[in-house]
Amino acid sequence: MILCKVTGSVVSTKKDEHFQGYKIMSVTPIRPDGSFFGKPFLAIDATSSGKGDTVLVIKDGGSLQMITGSKKIPENAIIAGVVDNLEIAVSGGQ
């Protein structure tokens, strides 16, 4: 899973029939401190996320197929969760 920030949504007047019922969102990977890194990419939204949300993205076609129940969606990234809170536990010596 990749921690990402939703940076926008894709609006289209026509889209492949297999995308019907799903939003397509632009997401950018983030570090746990919230800073951006890497390039933005598109992901199918299975969570009703919105711009500015921190989300968990899975970049694997098999997971997308399991979550959507379809083998016909031509995409490999899916937003699988919206992050409400993120805590980083630091372990180590005293």
PDB file of N, CA and C in Angstrom:
ATOM      1  N   MET A   1       0.842  -1.184   0.000  1.00  0.00           N
ATOM      2  CA  MET A   1       0.000   0.000   0.000  1.00  0.00           C
ATOM      3  C   MET A   1       0.880   1.237   0.000  1.00  0.00           C
ATOM      4  N   ILE A   2       0.361   2.269  -0.602  1.00  0.00           N
ATOM      5  CA  ILE A   2       1.074   3.535  -0.704  1.00  0.00           C
ATOM      6  C   ILE A   2       0.224   4.611  -0.040  1.00  0.00           C
ATOM      7  N   LEU A   3       0.840   5.381   0.839  1.00  0.00           N
ATOM      8  CA  LEU A   3       0.165   6.511   1.466  1.00  0.00           C
ATOM      9  C   LEU A   3       0.166   7.656   0.466  1.00  0.00           C
ATOM     10  N   CYS A   4      -1.011   8.202   0.169  1.00  0.00           N
ATOM     11  CA  CYS A   4      -1.135   9.255  -0.846  1.00  0.00           C
ATOM     12  C   CYS A   4      -2.084  10.347  -0.382  1.00  0.00           C
ATOM     13  N   LYS A   5      -1.996  11.473  -1.071  1.00  0.00           N
ATOM     14  CA  LYS A   5      -2.930  12.581  -0.889  1.00  0.00           C
ATOM     15  C   LYS A   5      -3.722  12.709  -2.190  1.00  0.00           C
ATOM     16  N   VAL A   6      -5.054  12.832  -2.073  1.00  0.00           N
ATOM     17  CA  VAL A   6      -5.887  13.046  -3.255  1.00  0.00           C
ATOM     18  C   VAL A   6      -5.696  14.494  -3.680  1.00  0.00           C
ATOM     19  N   THR A   7      -5.243  14.677  -4.927  1.00  0.00           N
ATOM     20  CA  THR A   7      -4.940  16.023  -5.409  1.00  0.00           C
ATOM     21  C   THR A   7      -5.961  16.533  -6.416  1.00  0.00           C
ATOM     22  N   GLY A   8      -6.895  15.679  -6.813  1.00  0.00           N
ATOM     23  CA  GLY A   8      -7.919  16.114  -7.748  1.00  0.00           C
ATOM     24  C   GLY A   8      -8.727  14.949  -8.268  1.00  0.00           C
ATOM     25  N   SER A   9      -9.708  15.267  -9.086  1.00  0.00           N
ATOM     26  CA  SER A   9     -10.537  14.219  -9.679  1.00  0.00           C
ATOM     27  C   SER A   9     -10.526  14.388 -11.197  1.00  0.00           C
ATOM     28  N   VAL A  10     -10.813  13.297 -11.880  1.00  0.00           N
ATOM     29  CA  VAL A  10     -10.853  13.314 -13.336  1.00  0.00           C
ATOM     30  C   VAL A  10     -12.311  13.383 -13.763  1.00  0.00           C
ATOM     31  N   VAL A  11     -12.630  14.346 -14.597  1.00  0.00           N
ATOM     32  CA  VAL A  11     -13.993  14.500 -15.102  1.00  0.00           C
ATOM     33  C   VAL A  11     -13.953  14.228 -16.600  1.00  0.00           C
ATOM     34  N   SER A  12     -14.864  13.369 -17.058  1.00  0.00           N
ATOM     35  CA  SER A  12     -14.909  13.075 -18.491  1.00  0.00           C
ATOM     36  C   SER A  12     -16.356  12.951 -18.946  1.00  0.00           C
ATOM     37  N   THR A  13     -16.598  13.363 -20.178  1.00  0.00           N
ATOM     38  CA  THR A  13     -17.953  13.257 -20.713  1.00  0.00           C
ATOM     39  C   THR A  13     -18.233  11.847 -21.207  1.00  0.00           C
ATOM     40  N   LYS A  14     -17.184  11.142 -21.590  1.00  0.00           N
ATOM     41  CA  LYS A  14     -17.316   9.754 -22.011  1.00  0.00           C
ATOM     42  C   LYS A  14     -16.216   8.951 -21.353  1.00  0.00           C
ATOM     43  N   LYS A  15     -16.553   7.738 -20.906  1.00  0.00           N
ATOM     44  CA  LYS A  15     -15.523   6.865 -20.367  1.00  0.00           C
ATOM     45  C   LYS A  15     -15.893   5.416 -20.639  1.00  0.00           C
ATOM     46  N   ASP A  16     -14.899   4.567 -20.570  1.00  0.00           N
ATOM     47  CA  ASP A  16     -15.096   3.147 -20.793  1.00  0.00           C
ATOM     48  C   ASP A  16     -16.213   2.633 -19.887  1.00  0.00           C
ATOM     49  N   GLU A  17     -17.047   1.771 -20.410  1.00  0.00           N
ATOM     50  CA  GLU A  17     -18.196   1.255 -19.647  1.00  0.00           C
ATOM     51  C   GLU A  17     -17.784   0.572 -18.350  1.00  0.00           C
ATOM     52  N   HIS A  18     -16.582   0.037 -18.280  1.00  0.00           N
ATOM     53  CA  HIS A  18     -16.136  -0.646 -17.071  1.00  0.00           C
ATOM     54  C   HIS A  18     -15.799   0.314 -15.936  1.00  0.00           C
ATOM     55  N   PHE A  19     -15.648   1.601 -16.260  1.00  0.00           N
ATOM     56  CA  PHE A  19     -15.402   2.617 -15.237  1.00  0.00           C
ATOM     57  C   PHE A  19     -16.700   3.196 -14.673  1.00  0.00           C
ATOM     58  N   GLN A  20     -17.843   2.842 -15.259  1.00  0.00           N
ATOM     59  CA  GLN A  20     -19.125   3.367 -14.781  1.00  0.00           C
ATOM     60  C   GLN A  20     -19.304   3.046 -13.297  1.00  0.00           C
ATOM     61  N   GLY A  21     -19.715   4.039 -12.539  1.00  0.00           N
ATOM     62  CA  GLY A  21     -19.942   3.853 -11.106  1.00  0.00           C
ATOM     63  C   GLY A  21     -18.721   4.123 -10.242  1.00  0.00           C
ATOM     64  N   TYR A  22     -17.593   4.422 -10.858  1.00  0.00           N
ATOM     65  CA  TYR A  22     -16.370   4.688 -10.106  1.00  0.00           C
ATOM     66  C   TYR A  22     -15.839   6.076 -10.437  1.00  0.00           C
ATOM     67  N   LYS A  23     -15.338   6.771  -9.407  1.00  0.00           N
ATOM     68  CA  LYS A  23     -14.635   8.031  -9.630  1.00  0.00           C
ATOM     69  C   LYS A  23     -13.177   7.698  -9.920  1.00  0.00           C
ATOM     70  N   ILE A  24     -12.552   8.520 -10.729  1.00  0.00           N
ATOM     71  CA  ILE A  24     -11.124   8.396 -10.986  1.00  0.00           C
ATOM     72  C   ILE A  24     -10.465   9.612 -10.356  1.00  0.00           C
ATOM     73  N   MET A  25      -9.521   9.365  -9.469  1.00  0.00           N
ATOM     74  CA  MET A  25      -8.896  10.440  -8.718  1.00  0.00           C
ATOM     75  C   MET A  25      -7.409  10.543  -9.056  1.00  0.00           C
ATOM     76  N   SER A  26      -6.888  11.754  -8.973  1.00  0.00           N
ATOM     77  CA  SER A  26      -5.450  11.981  -9.089  1.00  0.00           C
ATOM     78  C   SER A  26      -4.885  11.941  -7.677  1.00  0.00           C
ATOM     79  N   VAL A  27      -3.869  11.114  -7.466  1.00  0.00           N
ATOM     80  CA  VAL A  27      -3.254  10.983  -6.146  1.00  0.00           C
ATOM     81  C   VAL A  27      -1.744  11.159  -6.276  1.00  0.00           C
ATOM     82  N   THR A  28      -1.128  11.659  -5.205  1.00  0.00           N
ATOM     83  CA  THR A  28       0.321  11.839  -5.163  1.00  0.00           C
ATOM     84  C   THR A  28       0.849  11.173  -3.897  1.00  0.00           C
ATOM     85  N   PRO A  29       1.891  10.341  -4.032  1.00  0.00           N
ATOM     86  CA  PRO A  29       2.470   9.713  -2.839  1.00  0.00           C
ATOM     87  C   PRO A  29       2.965  10.750  -1.831  1.00  0.00           C
ATOM     88  N   ILE A  30       2.794  10.427  -0.546  1.00  0.00           N
ATOM     89  CA  ILE A  30       3.293  11.295   0.525  1.00  0.00           C
ATOM     90  C   ILE A  30       4.072  10.468   1.539  1.00  0.00           C
ATOM     91  N   ARG A  31       4.949  11.147   2.250  1.00  0.00           N
ATOM     92  CA  ARG A  31       5.668  10.533   3.368  1.00  0.00           C
ATOM     93  C   ARG A  31       4.776  10.627   4.613  1.00  0.00           C
ATOM     94  N   PRO A  32       5.103   9.881   5.667  1.00  0.00           N
ATOM     95  CA  PRO A  32       4.289   9.972   6.892  1.00  0.00           C
ATOM     96  C   PRO A  32       4.169  11.382   7.457  1.00  0.00           C
ATOM     97  N   ASP A  33       5.153  12.262   7.172  1.00  0.00           N
ATOM     98  CA  ASP A  33       5.069  13.642   7.669  1.00  0.00           C
ATOM     99  C   ASP A  33       4.183  14.525   6.782  1.00  0.00           C
ATOM    100  N   GLY A  34       3.654  13.946   5.685  1.00  0.00           N
ATOM    101  CA  GLY A  34       2.755  14.685   4.802  1.00  0.00           C
ATOM    102  C   GLY A  34       3.412  15.323   3.603  1.00  0.00           C
ATOM    103  N   SER A  35       4.741  15.246   3.516  1.00  0.00           N
ATOM    104  CA  SER A  35       5.429  15.851   2.367  1.00  0.00           C
ATOM    105  C   SER A  35       5.288  14.957   1.137  1.00  0.00           C
ATOM    106  N   PHE A  36       5.146  15.603  -0.009  1.00  0.00           N
ATOM    107  CA  PHE A  36       4.973  14.888  -1.270  1.00  0.00           C
ATOM    108  C   PHE A  36       6.298  14.328  -1.767  1.00  0.00           C
ATOM    109  N   PHE A  37       6.221  13.195  -2.458  1.00  0.00           N
ATOM    110  CA  PHE A  37       7.376  12.666  -3.187  1.00  0.00           C
ATOM    111  C   PHE A  37       6.829  11.840  -4.353  1.00  0.00           C
ATOM    112  N   GLY A  38       7.618  11.668  -5.366  1.00  0.00           N
ATOM    113  CA  GLY A  38       7.157  10.882  -6.509  1.00  0.00           C
ATOM    114  C   GLY A  38       6.199  11.661  -7.395  1.00  0.00           C
ATOM    115  N   LYS A  39       5.714  10.965  -8.404  1.00  0.00           N
ATOM    116  CA  LYS A  39       4.837  11.577  -9.400  1.00  0.00           C
ATOM    117  C   LYS A  39       3.378  11.245  -9.122  1.00  0.00           C
ATOM    118  N   PRO A  40       2.473  12.169  -9.453  1.00  0.00           N
ATOM    119  CA  PRO A  40       1.041  11.882  -9.319  1.00  0.00           C
ATOM    120  C   PRO A  40       0.647  10.762 -10.290  1.00  0.00           C
ATOM    121  N   PHE A  41      -0.396  10.024  -9.928  1.00  0.00           N
ATOM    122  CA  PHE A  41      -0.943   9.004 -10.814  1.00  0.00           C
ATOM    123  C   PHE A  41      -2.439   8.900 -10.575  1.00  0.00           C
ATOM    124  N   LEU A  42      -3.124   8.173 -11.433  1.00  0.00           N
ATOM    125  CA  LEU A  42      -4.574   8.022 -11.332  1.00  0.00           C
ATOM    126  C   LEU A  42      -4.933   6.734 -10.612  1.00  0.00           C
ATOM    127  N   ALA A  43      -6.025   6.775  -9.851  1.00  0.00           N
ATOM    128  CA  ALA A  43      -6.498   5.599  -9.134  1.00  0.00           C
ATOM    129  C   ALA A  43      -8.022   5.593  -9.116  1.00  0.00           C
ATOM    130  N   ILE A  44      -8.597   4.401  -9.213  1.00  0.00           N
ATOM    131  CA  ILE A  44     -10.040   4.211  -9.060  1.00  0.00           C
ATOM    132  C   ILE A  44     -10.368   4.419  -7.579  1.00  0.00           C
ATOM    133  N   ASP A  45     -11.462   5.094  -7.291  1.00  0.00           N
ATOM    134  CA  ASP A  45     -11.849   5.351  -5.897  1.00  0.00           C
ATOM    135  C   ASP A  45     -12.930   4.376  -5.454  1.00  0.00           C
ATOM    136  N   ALA A  46     -12.613   3.575  -4.442  1.00  0.00           N
ATOM    137  CA  ALA A  46     -13.586   2.635  -3.884  1.00  0.00           C
ATOM    138  C   ALA A  46     -14.073   3.101  -2.517  1.00  0.00           C
ATOM    139  N   THR A  47     -13.765   4.364  -2.137  1.00  0.00           N
ATOM    140  CA  THR A  47     -14.036   4.813  -0.770  1.00  0.00           C
ATOM    141  C   THR A  47     -14.803   6.119  -0.654  1.00  0.00           C
ATOM    142  N   SER A  48     -15.154   6.746  -1.740  1.00  0.00           N
ATOM    143  CA  SER A  48     -15.781   8.076  -1.719  1.00  0.00           C
ATOM    144  C   SER A  48     -14.859   9.123  -1.123  1.00  0.00           C
ATOM    145  N   SER A  49     -13.586   9.060  -1.457  1.00  0.00           N
ATOM    146  CA  SER A  49     -12.630  10.057  -0.978  1.00  0.00           C
ATOM    147  C   SER A  49     -12.802  11.354  -1.754  1.00  0.00           C
ATOM    148  N   GLY A  50     -12.184  12.401  -1.246  1.00  0.00           N
ATOM    149  CA  GLY A  50     -12.271  13.697  -1.903  1.00  0.00           C
ATOM    150  C   GLY A  50     -10.928  14.399  -1.900  1.00  0.00           C
ATOM    151  N   LYS A  51     -10.852  15.486  -2.629  1.00  0.00           N
ATOM    152  CA  LYS A  51      -9.610  16.253  -2.724  1.00  0.00           C
ATOM    153  C   LYS A  51      -9.134  16.640  -1.336  1.00  0.00           C
ATOM    154  N   GLY A  52      -7.843  16.414  -1.079  1.00  0.00           N
ATOM    155  CA  GLY A  52      -7.253  16.744   0.212  1.00  0.00           C
ATOM    156  C   GLY A  52      -7.213  15.587   1.187  1.00  0.00           C
ATOM    157  N   ASP A  53      -7.948  14.503   0.907  1.00  0.00           N
ATOM    158  CA  ASP A  53      -7.940  13.339   1.798  1.00  0.00           C
ATOM    159  C   ASP A  53      -6.616  12.596   1.708  1.00  0.00           C
ATOM    160  N   THR A  54      -6.176  12.053   2.834  1.00  0.00           N
ATOM    161  CA  THR A  54      -5.050  11.135   2.867  1.00  0.00           C
ATOM    162  C   THR A  54      -5.631   9.742   2.703  1.00  0.00           C
ATOM    163  N   VAL A  55      -5.080   8.972   1.757  1.00  0.00           N
ATOM    164  CA  VAL A  55      -5.665   7.679   1.410  1.00  0.00           C
ATOM    165  C   VAL A  55      -4.596   6.601   1.317  1.00  0.00           C
ATOM    166  N   LEU A  56      -5.066   5.354   1.367  1.00  0.00           N
ATOM    167  CA  LEU A  56      -4.212   4.195   1.126  1.00  0.00           C
ATOM    168  C   LEU A  56      -4.522   3.681  -0.263  1.00  0.00           C
ATOM    169  N   VAL A  57      -3.486   3.588  -1.101  1.00  0.00           N
ATOM    170  CA  VAL A  57      -3.654   3.150  -2.480  1.00  0.00           C
ATOM    171  C   VAL A  57      -2.926   1.829  -2.678  1.00  0.00           C
ATOM    172  N   ILE A  58      -3.586   0.910  -3.350  1.00  0.00           N
ATOM    173  CA  ILE A  58      -2.963  -0.357  -3.721  1.00  0.00           C
ATOM    174  C   ILE A  58      -2.708  -0.309  -5.221  1.00  0.00           C
ATOM    175  N   LYS A  59      -1.458  -0.514  -5.613  1.00  0.00           N
ATOM    176  CA  LYS A  59      -1.114  -0.536  -7.042  1.00  0.00           C
ATOM    177  C   LYS A  59      -0.871  -1.992  -7.446  1.00  0.00           C
ATOM    178  N   ASP A  60      -1.957  -2.692  -7.640  1.00  0.00           N
ATOM    179  CA  ASP A  60      -1.893  -4.097  -8.019  1.00  0.00           C
ATOM    180  C   ASP A  60      -3.211  -4.459  -8.675  1.00  0.00           C
ATOM    181  N   GLY A  61      -3.156  -4.921  -9.910  1.00  0.00           N
ATOM    182  CA  GLY A  61      -4.379  -5.247 -10.639  1.00  0.00           C
ATOM    183  C   GLY A  61      -5.205  -6.330  -9.977  1.00  0.00           C
ATOM    184  N   GLY A  62      -4.539  -7.306  -9.347  1.00  0.00           N
ATOM    185  CA  GLY A  62      -5.267  -8.381  -8.675  1.00  0.00           C
ATOM    186  C   GLY A  62      -6.095  -7.865  -7.504  1.00  0.00           C
ATOM    187  N   SER A  63      -5.544  -6.942  -6.739  1.00  0.00           N
ATOM    188  CA  SER A  63      -6.291  -6.354  -5.622  1.00  0.00           C
ATOM    189  C   SER A  63      -7.464  -5.537  -6.128  1.00  0.00           C
ATOM    190  N   LEU A  64      -7.248  -4.787  -7.214  1.00  0.00           N
ATOM    191  CA  LEU A  64      -8.332  -4.007  -7.798  1.00  0.00           C
ATOM    192  C   LEU A  64      -9.463  -4.934  -8.222  1.00  0.00           C
ATOM    193  N   GLN A  65      -9.127  -6.056  -8.839  1.00  0.00           N
ATOM    194  CA  GLN A  65     -10.147  -7.016  -9.267  1.00  0.00           C
ATOM    195  C   GLN A  65     -10.910  -7.579  -8.071  1.00  0.00           C
ATOM    196  N   MET A  66     -10.203  -7.885  -6.979  1.00  0.00           N
ATOM    197  CA  MET A  66     -10.867  -8.425  -5.793  1.00  0.00           C
ATOM    198  C   MET A  66     -11.808  -7.392  -5.165  1.00  0.00           C
ATOM    199  N   ILE A  67     -11.375  -6.138  -5.083  1.00  0.00           N
ATOM    200  CA  ILE A  67     -12.182  -5.100  -4.443  1.00  0.00           C
ATOM    201  C   ILE A  67     -13.403  -4.746  -5.283  1.00  0.00           C
ATOM    202  N   THR A  68     -13.217  -4.626  -6.599  1.00  0.00           N
ATOM    203  CA  THR A  68     -14.334  -4.221  -7.464  1.00  0.00           C
ATOM    204  C   THR A  68     -15.178  -5.401  -7.933  1.00  0.00           C
ATOM    205  N   GLY A  69     -14.614  -6.602  -7.883  1.00  0.00           N
ATOM    206  CA  GLY A  69     -15.339  -7.773  -8.383  1.00  0.00           C
ATOM    207  C   GLY A  69     -15.347  -7.857  -9.900  1.00  0.00           C
ATOM    208  N   SER A  70     -14.487  -7.099 -10.557  1.00  0.00           N
ATOM    209  CA  SER A  70     -14.453  -7.075 -12.020  1.00  0.00           C
ATOM    210  C   SER A  70     -13.036  -7.302 -12.528  1.00  0.00           C
ATOM    211  N   LYS A  71     -12.918  -8.127 -13.545  1.00  0.00           N
ATOM    212  CA  LYS A  71     -11.622  -8.341 -14.190  1.00  0.00           C
ATOM    213  C   LYS A  71     -11.483  -7.479 -15.433  1.00  0.00           C
ATOM    214  N   LYS A  72     -12.469  -6.620 -15.680  1.00  0.00           N
ATOM    215  CA  LYS A  72     -12.489  -5.864 -16.931  1.00  0.00           C
ATOM    216  C   LYS A  72     -12.106  -4.397 -16.777  1.00  0.00           C
ATOM    217  N   ILE A  73     -11.839  -3.936 -15.563  1.00  0.00           N
ATOM    218  CA  ILE A  73     -11.466  -2.530 -15.376  1.00  0.00           C
ATOM    219  C   ILE A  73     -10.001  -2.364 -15.784  1.00  0.00           C
ATOM    220  N   PRO A  74      -9.724  -1.543 -16.797  1.00  0.00           N
ATOM    221  CA  PRO A  74      -8.358  -1.390 -17.302  1.00  0.00           C
ATOM    222  C   PRO A  74      -7.528  -0.408 -16.464  1.00  0.00           C
ATOM    223  N   GLU A  75      -7.256  -0.768 -15.237  1.00  0.00           N
ATOM    224  CA  GLU A  75      -6.512   0.083 -14.307  1.00  0.00           C
ATOM    225  C   GLU A  75      -5.811  -0.827 -13.314  1.00  0.00           C
ATOM    226  N   ASN A  76      -4.782  -0.335 -12.640  1.00  0.00           N
ATOM    227  CA  ASN A  76      -4.097  -1.167 -11.657  1.00  0.00           C
ATOM    228  C   ASN A  76      -3.942  -0.502 -10.291  1.00  0.00           C
ATOM    229  N   ALA A  77      -4.513   0.688 -10.099  1.00  0.00           N
ATOM    230  CA  ALA A  77      -4.412   1.373  -8.815  1.00  0.00           C
ATOM    231  C   ALA A  77      -5.809   1.659  -8.281  1.00  0.00           C
ATOM    232  N   ILE A  78      -5.997   1.385  -6.980  1.00  0.00           N
ATOM    233  CA  ILE A  78      -7.307   1.612  -6.369  1.00  0.00           C
ATOM    234  C   ILE A  78      -7.124   2.220  -4.981  1.00  0.00           C
ATOM    235  N   ILE A  79      -7.953   3.198  -4.675  1.00  0.00           N
ATOM    236  CA  ILE A  79      -7.979   3.785  -3.335  1.00  0.00           C
ATOM    237  C   ILE A  79      -8.799   2.836  -2.471  1.00  0.00           C
ATOM    238  N   ALA A  80      -8.126   2.211  -1.498  1.00  0.00           N
ATOM    239  CA  ALA A  80      -8.764   1.181  -0.686  1.00  0.00           C
ATOM    240  C   ALA A  80      -9.147   1.667   0.708  1.00  0.00           C
ATOM    241  N   GLY A  81      -8.677   2.834   1.115  1.00  0.00           N
ATOM    242  CA  GLY A  81      -9.018   3.333   2.442  1.00  0.00           C
ATOM    243  C   GLY A  81      -8.705   4.808   2.596  1.00  0.00           C
ATOM    244  N   VAL A  82      -9.478   5.472   3.447  1.00  0.00           N
ATOM    245  CA  VAL A  82      -9.230   6.873   3.796  1.00  0.00           C
ATOM    246  C   VAL A  82      -8.623   6.876   5.195  1.00  0.00           C
ATOM    247  N   VAL A  83      -7.513   7.572   5.355  1.00  0.00           N
ATOM    248  CA  VAL A  83      -6.797   7.621   6.631  1.00  0.00           C
ATOM    249  C   VAL A  83      -7.397   8.712   7.503  1.00  0.00           C
ATOM    250  N   ASP A  84      -7.892   8.324   8.682  1.00  0.00           N
ATOM    251  CA  ASP A  84      -8.427   9.288   9.638  1.00  0.00           C
ATOM    252  C   ASP A  84      -7.340   9.847  10.545  1.00  0.00           C
ATOM    253  N   ASN A  85      -6.392   8.985  10.904  1.00  0.00           N
ATOM    254  CA  ASN A  85      -5.346   9.367  11.837  1.00  0.00           C
ATOM    255  C   ASN A  85      -4.115   8.534  11.532  1.00  0.00           C
ATOM    256  N   LEU A  86      -2.952   9.137  11.653  1.00  0.00           N
ATOM    257  CA  LEU A  86      -1.696   8.429  11.408  1.00  0.00           C
ATOM    258  C   LEU A  86      -0.760   8.673  12.567  1.00  0.00           C
ATOM    259  N   GLU A  87      -0.354   7.602  13.237  1.00  0.00           N
ATOM    260  CA  GLU A  87       0.589   7.684  14.352  1.00  0.00           C
ATOM    261  C   GLU A  87       1.835   6.928  13.979  1.00  0.00           C
ATOM    262  N   ILE A  88       2.971   7.525  14.187  1.00  0.00           N
ATOM    263  CA  ILE A  88       4.246   6.879  13.915  1.00  0.00           C
ATOM    264  C   ILE A  88       4.875   6.505  15.250  1.00  0.00           C
ATOM    265  N   ALA A  89       5.052   5.216  15.466  1.00  0.00           N
ATOM    266  CA  ALA A  89       5.683   4.727  16.692  1.00  0.00           C
ATOM    267  C   ALA A  89       7.168   4.574  16.431  1.00  0.00           C
ATOM    268  N   VAL A  90       7.961   5.157  17.293  1.00  0.00           N
ATOM    269  CA  VAL A  90       9.407   5.061  17.163  1.00  0.00           C
ATOM    270  C   VAL A  90       9.897   4.120  18.252  1.00  0.00           C
ATOM    271  N   SER A  91      10.578   3.068  17.826  1.00  0.00           N
ATOM    272  CA  SER A  91      11.117   2.128  18.816  1.00  0.00           C
ATOM    273  C   SER A  91      12.621   2.222  18.784  1.00  0.00           C
ATOM    274  N   GLY A  92      13.219   1.822  19.858  1.00  0.00           N
ATOM    275  CA  GLY A  92      14.684   1.859  19.918  1.00  0.00           C
ATOM    276  C   GLY A  92      15.158   1.757  21.348  1.00  0.00           C
ATOM    277  N   GLY A  93      16.423   1.874  21.503  1.00  0.00           N
ATOM    278  CA  GLY A  93      17.029   1.790  22.831  1.00  0.00           C
ATOM    279  C   GLY A  93      16.684   2.991  23.692  1.00  0.00           C
ATOM    280  N   GLN A  94      16.956   2.846  24.979  1.00  0.00           N
ATOM    281  CA  GLN A  94      16.622   3.915  25.919  1.00  0.00           C
ATOM    282  C   GLN A  94      17.711   4.910  26.059  1.00  0.00           C
TER     283      GLN A  94
END
